[in-house]
C-alpha cells in the first residue's frame, strides 16, 4: 500500500499537479512533508523555462 501511495504522489508533480492539491490528497498537514515528492519530479524541473530566456537581446 505504501508503494502505491508513493508512486501516486511521485507521479502527480510529473503531471504538473499543484503542490497544494497534492498536500490535500495525501492528507499532509505540513507542506514540507509533501515537498519531498517534488524532488523526484526531475522531468518537470527540466521543462521549466527561465524568465530570462524570454528576454530579447538589445539591438546592436
PDB file of N, CA and C in Angstrom:
ATOM      1  N   UNK A   1       0.824  -1.189   0.000  1.00  0.00           N
ATOM      2  CA  UNK A   1       0.000   0.000   0.000  1.00  0.00           C
ATOM      3  C   UNK A   1       0.874   1.260   0.000  1.00  0.00           C
ATOM      4  N   UNK A   2       1.945   1.229   0.782  1.00  0.00           N
ATOM      5  CA  UNK A   2       2.837   2.388   0.854  1.00  0.00           C
ATOM      6  C   UNK A   2       3.472   2.676  -0.506  1.00  0.00           C
ATOM      7  N   UNK A   3       3.850   1.629  -1.227  1.00  0.00           N
ATOM      8  CA  UNK A   3       4.474   1.802  -2.541  1.00  0.00           C
ATOM      9  C   UNK A   3       3.478   2.424  -3.524  1.00  0.00           C
ATOM     10  N   UNK A   4       2.232   2.012  -3.480  1.00  0.00           N
ATOM     11  CA  UNK A   4       1.206   2.585  -4.342  1.00  0.00           C
ATOM     12  C   UNK A   4       1.013   4.068  -4.027  1.00  0.00           C
ATOM     13  N   UNK A   5       0.943   4.404  -2.757  1.00  0.00           N
ATOM     14  CA  UNK A   5       0.789   5.809  -2.330  1.00  0.00           C
ATOM     15  C   UNK A   5       1.981   6.637  -2.788  1.00  0.00           C
ATOM     16  N   UNK A   6       3.174   6.107  -2.616  1.00  0.00           N
ATOM     17  CA  UNK A   6       4.395   6.818  -3.012  1.00  0.00           C
ATOM     18  C   UNK A   6       4.431   7.015  -4.534  1.00  0.00           C
ATOM     19  N   UNK A   7       4.067   5.998  -5.280  1.00  0.00           N
ATOM     20  CA  UNK A   7       4.041   6.095  -6.740  1.00  0.00           C
ATOM     21  C   UNK A   7       3.038   7.153  -7.196  1.00  0.00           C
ATOM     22  N   UNK A   8       1.878   7.166  -6.584  1.00  0.00           N
ATOM     23  CA  UNK A   8       0.845   8.154  -6.887  1.00  0.00           C
ATOM     24  C   UNK A   8       1.365   9.561  -6.609  1.00  0.00           C
ATOM     25  N   UNK A   9       1.966   9.749  -5.445  1.00  0.00           N
ATOM     26  CA  UNK A   9       2.464  11.066  -5.046  1.00  0.00           C
ATOM     27  C   UNK A   9       3.641  11.517  -5.903  1.00  0.00           C
ATOM     28  N   UNK A  10       4.434  10.584  -6.360  1.00  0.00           N
ATOM     29  CA  UNK A  10       5.585  10.916  -7.203  1.00  0.00           C
ATOM     30  C   UNK A  10       5.126  11.275  -8.612  1.00  0.00           C
ATOM     31  N   UNK A  11       4.077  10.645  -9.084  1.00  0.00           N
ATOM     32  CA  UNK A  11       3.569  10.895 -10.431  1.00  0.00           C
ATOM     33  C   UNK A  11       2.875  12.253 -10.544  1.00  0.00           C
ATOM     34  N   UNK A  12       2.252  12.713  -9.503  1.00  0.00           N
ATOM     35  CA  UNK A  12       1.487  13.958  -9.562  1.00  0.00           C
ATOM     36  C   UNK A  12       2.329  15.180  -9.948  1.00  0.00           C
ATOM     37  N   UNK A  13       3.497  15.388  -9.350  1.00  0.00           N
ATOM     38  CA  UNK A  13       4.305  16.538  -9.792  1.00  0.00           C
ATOM     39  C   UNK A  13       4.735  16.416 -11.254  1.00  0.00           C
ATOM     40  N   UNK A  14       4.963  15.208 -11.729  1.00  0.00           N
ATOM     41  CA  UNK A  14       5.320  14.999 -13.129  1.00  0.00           C
ATOM     42  C   UNK A  14       4.176  15.425 -14.045  1.00  0.00           C
ATOM     43  N   UNK A  15       2.959  15.350 -13.538  1.00  0.00           N
ATOM     44  CA  UNK A  15       1.782  15.754 -14.317  1.00  0.00           C
ATOM     45  C   UNK A  15       1.410  17.214 -14.054  1.00  0.00           C
ATOM     46  N   UNK A  16       2.330  17.933 -13.413  1.00  0.00           N
ATOM     47  CA  UNK A  16       2.172  19.361 -13.126  1.00  0.00           C
ATOM     48  C   UNK A  16       0.991  19.667 -12.196  1.00  0.00           C
ATOM     49  N   UNK A  17       0.705  18.742 -11.300  1.00  0.00           N
ATOM     50  CA  UNK A  17      -0.334  18.962 -10.299  1.00  0.00           C
ATOM     51  C   UNK A  17       0.203  19.916  -9.238  1.00  0.00           C
ATOM     52  N   UNK A  18      -0.599  20.886  -8.869  1.00  0.00           N
ATOM     53  CA  UNK A  18      -0.199  21.884  -7.878  1.00  0.00           C
ATOM     54  C   UNK A  18       0.164  21.203  -6.557  1.00  0.00           C
ATOM     55  N   UNK A  19       1.221  21.692  -5.931  1.00  0.00           N
ATOM     56  CA  UNK A  19       1.733  21.098  -4.682  1.00  0.00           C
ATOM     57  C   UNK A  19       0.685  21.136  -3.568  1.00  0.00           C
ATOM     58  N   UNK A  20      -0.154  22.172  -3.546  1.00  0.00           N
ATOM     59  CA  UNK A  20      -1.202  22.261  -2.515  1.00  0.00           C
ATOM     60  C   UNK A  20      -2.277  21.186  -2.733  1.00  0.00           C
ATOM     61  N   UNK A  21      -2.567  20.878  -3.975  1.00  0.00           N
ATOM     62  CA  UNK A  21      -3.536  19.814  -4.273  1.00  0.00           C
ATOM     63  C   UNK A  21      -2.975  18.479  -3.806  1.00  0.00           C
ATOM     64  N   UNK A  22      -1.697  18.252  -4.080  1.00  0.00           N
ATOM     65  CA  UNK A  22      -1.049  17.010  -3.641  1.00  0.00           C
ATOM     66  C   UNK A  22      -1.083  16.920  -2.122  1.00  0.00           C
ATOM     67  N   UNK A  23      -0.830  18.026  -1.462  1.00  0.00           N
ATOM     68  CA  UNK A  23      -0.850  18.056   0.004  1.00  0.00           C
ATOM     69  C   UNK A  23      -2.207  17.609   0.536  1.00  0.00           C
ATOM     70  N   UNK A  24      -3.277  18.122  -0.048  1.00  0.00           N
ATOM     71  CA  UNK A  24      -4.624  17.755   0.396  1.00  0.00           C
ATOM     72  C   UNK A  24      -4.915  16.286   0.099  1.00  0.00           C
ATOM     73  N   UNK A  25      -4.566  15.839  -1.104  1.00  0.00           N
ATOM     74  CA  UNK A  25      -4.819  14.449  -1.474  1.00  0.00           C
ATOM     75  C   UNK A  25      -4.106  13.467  -0.555  1.00  0.00           C
ATOM     76  N   UNK A  26      -2.898  13.813  -0.130  1.00  0.00           N
ATOM     77  CA  UNK A  26      -2.128  12.916   0.733  1.00  0.00           C
ATOM     78  C   UNK A  26      -2.448  13.099   2.217  1.00  0.00           C
ATOM     79  N   UNK A  27      -3.178  14.165   2.544  1.00  0.00           N
ATOM     80  CA  UNK A  27      -3.553  14.402   3.941  1.00  0.00           C
ATOM     81  C   UNK A  27      -2.411  14.914   4.790  1.00  0.00           C
ATOM     82  N   UNK A  28      -1.447  15.590   4.174  1.00  0.00           N
ATOM     83  CA  UNK A  28      -0.323  16.144   4.923  1.00  0.00           C
ATOM     84  C   UNK A  28      -0.712  17.461   5.581  1.00  0.00           C
ATOM     85  N   UNK A  29      -0.295  17.638   6.798  1.00  0.00           N
ATOM     86  CA  UNK A  29      -0.534  18.906   7.495  1.00  0.00           C
ATOM     87  C   UNK A  29       0.480  19.957   7.075  1.00  0.00           C
ATOM     88  N   UNK A  30       1.729  19.525   6.887  1.00  0.00           N
ATOM     89  CA  UNK A  30       2.804  20.456   6.545  1.00  0.00           C
ATOM     90  C   UNK A  30       3.192  20.308   5.086  1.00  0.00           C
ATOM     91  N   UNK A  31       3.399  21.433   4.436  1.00  0.00           N
ATOM     92  CA  UNK A  31       3.813  21.418   3.041  1.00  0.00           C
ATOM     93  C   UNK A  31       5.203  20.802   2.890  1.00  0.00           C
ATOM     94  N   UNK A  32       6.029  20.922   3.922  1.00  0.00           N
ATOM     95  CA  UNK A  32       7.376  20.334   3.888  1.00  0.00           C
ATOM     96  C   UNK A  32       7.314  18.821   3.655  1.00  0.00           C
ATOM     97  N   UNK A  33       6.321  18.182   4.229  1.00  0.00           N
ATOM     98  CA  UNK A  33       6.173  16.739   4.068  1.00  0.00           C
ATOM     99  C   UNK A  33       5.867  16.393   2.614  1.00  0.00           C
ATOM    100  N   UNK A  34       5.014  17.193   1.992  1.00  0.00           N
ATOM    101  CA  UNK A  34       4.634  16.966   0.597  1.00  0.00           C
ATOM    102  C   UNK A  34       5.779  17.326  -0.344  1.00  0.00           C
ATOM    103  N   UNK A  35       6.567  18.322   0.018  1.00  0.00           N
ATOM    104  CA  UNK A  35       7.646  18.808  -0.846  1.00  0.00           C
ATOM    105  C   UNK A  35       8.676  17.726  -1.154  1.00  0.00           C
ATOM    106  N   UNK A  36       8.742  16.693  -0.356  1.00  0.00           N
ATOM    107  CA  UNK A  36       9.661  15.585  -0.612  1.00  0.00           C
ATOM    108  C   UNK A  36       9.416  15.009  -2.001  1.00  0.00           C
ATOM    109  N   UNK A  37       8.165  14.950  -2.411  1.00  0.00           N
ATOM    110  CA  UNK A  37       7.819  14.357  -3.699  1.00  0.00           C
ATOM    111  C   UNK A  37       8.205  15.245  -4.874  1.00  0.00           C
ATOM    112  N   UNK A  38       8.368  16.531  -4.658  1.00  0.00           N
ATOM    113  CA  UNK A  38       8.756  17.417  -5.750  1.00  0.00           C
ATOM    114  C   UNK A  38      10.216  17.222  -6.132  1.00  0.00           C
ATOM    115  N   UNK A  39      11.006  16.719  -5.228  1.00  0.00           N
ATOM    116  CA  UNK A  39      12.413  16.487  -5.522  1.00  0.00           C
ATOM    117  C   UNK A  39      12.597  15.366  -6.538  1.00  0.00           C
ATOM    118  N   UNK A  40      11.612  14.537  -6.660  1.00  0.00           N
ATOM    119  CA  UNK A  40      11.681  13.407  -7.573  1.00  0.00           C
ATOM    120  C   UNK A  40      11.252  13.819  -8.986  1.00  0.00           C
ATOM    121  N   UNK A  41      10.568  14.938  -9.105  1.00  0.00           N
ATOM    122  CA  UNK A  41       9.994  15.365 -10.385  1.00  0.00           C
ATOM    123  C   UNK A  41      11.037  16.045 -11.267  1.00  0.00           C
ATOM    124  N   UNK A  42      12.060  15.323 -11.634  1.00  0.00           N
ATOM    125  CA  UNK A  42      13.156  15.895 -12.412  1.00  0.00           C
ATOM    126  C   UNK A  42      12.719  16.291 -13.819  1.00  0.00           C
ATOM    127  N   UNK A  43      11.842  15.508 -14.418  1.00  0.00           N
ATOM    128  CA  UNK A  43      11.359  15.825 -15.753  1.00  0.00           C
ATOM    129  C   UNK A  43      10.674  17.191 -15.762  1.00  0.00           C
ATOM    130  N   UNK A  44       9.844  17.434 -14.781  1.00  0.00           N
ATOM    131  CA  UNK A  44       9.136  18.705 -14.689  1.00  0.00           C
ATOM    132  C   UNK A  44      10.112  19.846 -14.476  1.00  0.00           C
ATOM    133  N   UNK A  45      11.116  19.630 -13.647  1.00  0.00           N
ATOM    134  CA  UNK A  45      12.109  20.674 -13.404  1.00  0.00           C
ATOM    135  C   UNK A  45      12.859  21.044 -14.672  1.00  0.00           C
ATOM    136  N   UNK A  46      13.170  20.067 -15.495  1.00  0.00           N
ATOM    137  CA  UNK A  46      13.890  20.333 -16.745  1.00  0.00           C
ATOM    138  C   UNK A  46      13.039  21.120 -17.728  1.00  0.00           C
ATOM    139  N   UNK A  47      11.720  21.008 -17.632  1.00  0.00           N
ATOM    140  CA  UNK A  47      10.830  21.683 -18.569  1.00  0.00           C
ATOM    141  C   UNK A  47      10.535  23.133 -18.187  1.00  0.00           C
ATOM    142  N   UNK A  48      10.920  23.548 -17.002  1.00  0.00           N
ATOM    143  CA  UNK A  48      10.671  24.920 -16.566  1.00  0.00           C
ATOM    144  C   UNK A  48      11.572  25.859 -17.352  1.00  0.00           C
ATOM    145  N   UNK A  49      10.937  26.864 -17.953  1.00  0.00           N
ATOM    146  CA  UNK A  49      11.696  27.824 -18.748  1.00  0.00           C
ATOM    147  C   UNK A  49      12.051  29.026 -17.884  1.00  0.00           C
ATOM    148  N   UNK A  50      13.281  29.427 -17.952  1.00  0.00           N
ATOM    149  CA  UNK A  50      13.742  30.585 -17.194  1.00  0.00           C
ATOM    150  C   UNK A  50      13.110  31.849 -17.762  1.00  0.00           C
ATOM    151  N   UNK A  51      12.659  32.752 -16.913  1.00  0.00           N
ATOM    152  CA  UNK A  51      12.124  34.025 -17.401  1.00  0.00           C
ATOM    153  C   UNK A  51      13.179  34.820 -18.179  1.00  0.00           C
ATOM    154  N   UNK A  52      14.422  34.589 -17.879  1.00  0.00           N
ATOM    155  CA  UNK A  52      15.497  35.294 -18.588  1.00  0.00           C
ATOM    156  C   UNK A  52      15.560  34.884 -20.054  1.00  0.00           C
ATOM    157  N   UNK A  53      15.173  33.672 -20.372  1.00  0.00           N
ATOM    158  CA  UNK A  53      15.212  33.239 -21.761  1.00  0.00           C
ATOM    159  C   UNK A  53      14.137  33.920 -22.603  1.00  0.00           C
ATOM    160  N   UNK A  54      13.164  34.548 -21.951  1.00  0.00           N
ATOM    161  CA  UNK A  54      12.102  35.258 -22.661  1.00  0.00           C
ATOM    162  C   UNK A  54      12.519  36.668 -23.064  1.00  0.00           C
ATOM    163  N   UNK A  55      13.591  37.143 -22.472  1.00  0.00           N
ATOM    164  CA  UNK A  55      14.065  38.491 -22.790  1.00  0.00           C
ATOM    165  C   UNK A  55      14.729  38.507 -24.162  1.00  0.00           C
ATOM    166  N   UNK A  56      14.482  39.551 -24.898  1.00  0.00           N
ATOM    167  CA  UNK A  56      15.158  39.682 -26.177  1.00  0.00           C
ATOM    168  C   UNK A  56      16.430  40.507 -25.989  1.00  0.00           C
ATOM    169  N   UNK A  57      17.482  40.166 -26.688  1.00  0.00           N
ATOM    170  CA  UNK A  57      18.729  40.922 -26.535  1.00  0.00           C
ATOM    171  C   UNK A  57      18.559  42.337 -27.100  1.00  0.00           C
ATOM    172  N   UNK A  58      19.274  43.281 -26.546  1.00  0.00           N
ATOM    173  CA  UNK A  58      19.166  44.660 -27.045  1.00  0.00           C
ATOM    174  C   UNK A  58      19.735  44.763 -28.464  1.00  0.00           C
ATOM    175  N   UNK A  59      19.184  45.673 -29.271  1.00  0.00           N
ATOM    176  CA  UNK A  59      19.707  45.818 -30.630  1.00  0.00           C
ATOM    177  C   UNK A  59      21.150  46.308 -30.597  1.00  0.00           C
ATOM    178  N   UNK A  60      21.898  45.904 -31.588  1.00  0.00           N
ATOM    179  CA  UNK A  60      23.303  46.301 -31.663  1.00  0.00           C
ATOM    180  C   UNK A  60      23.489  47.651 -32.279  1.00  0.00           C
TER     181      UNK A  60
END
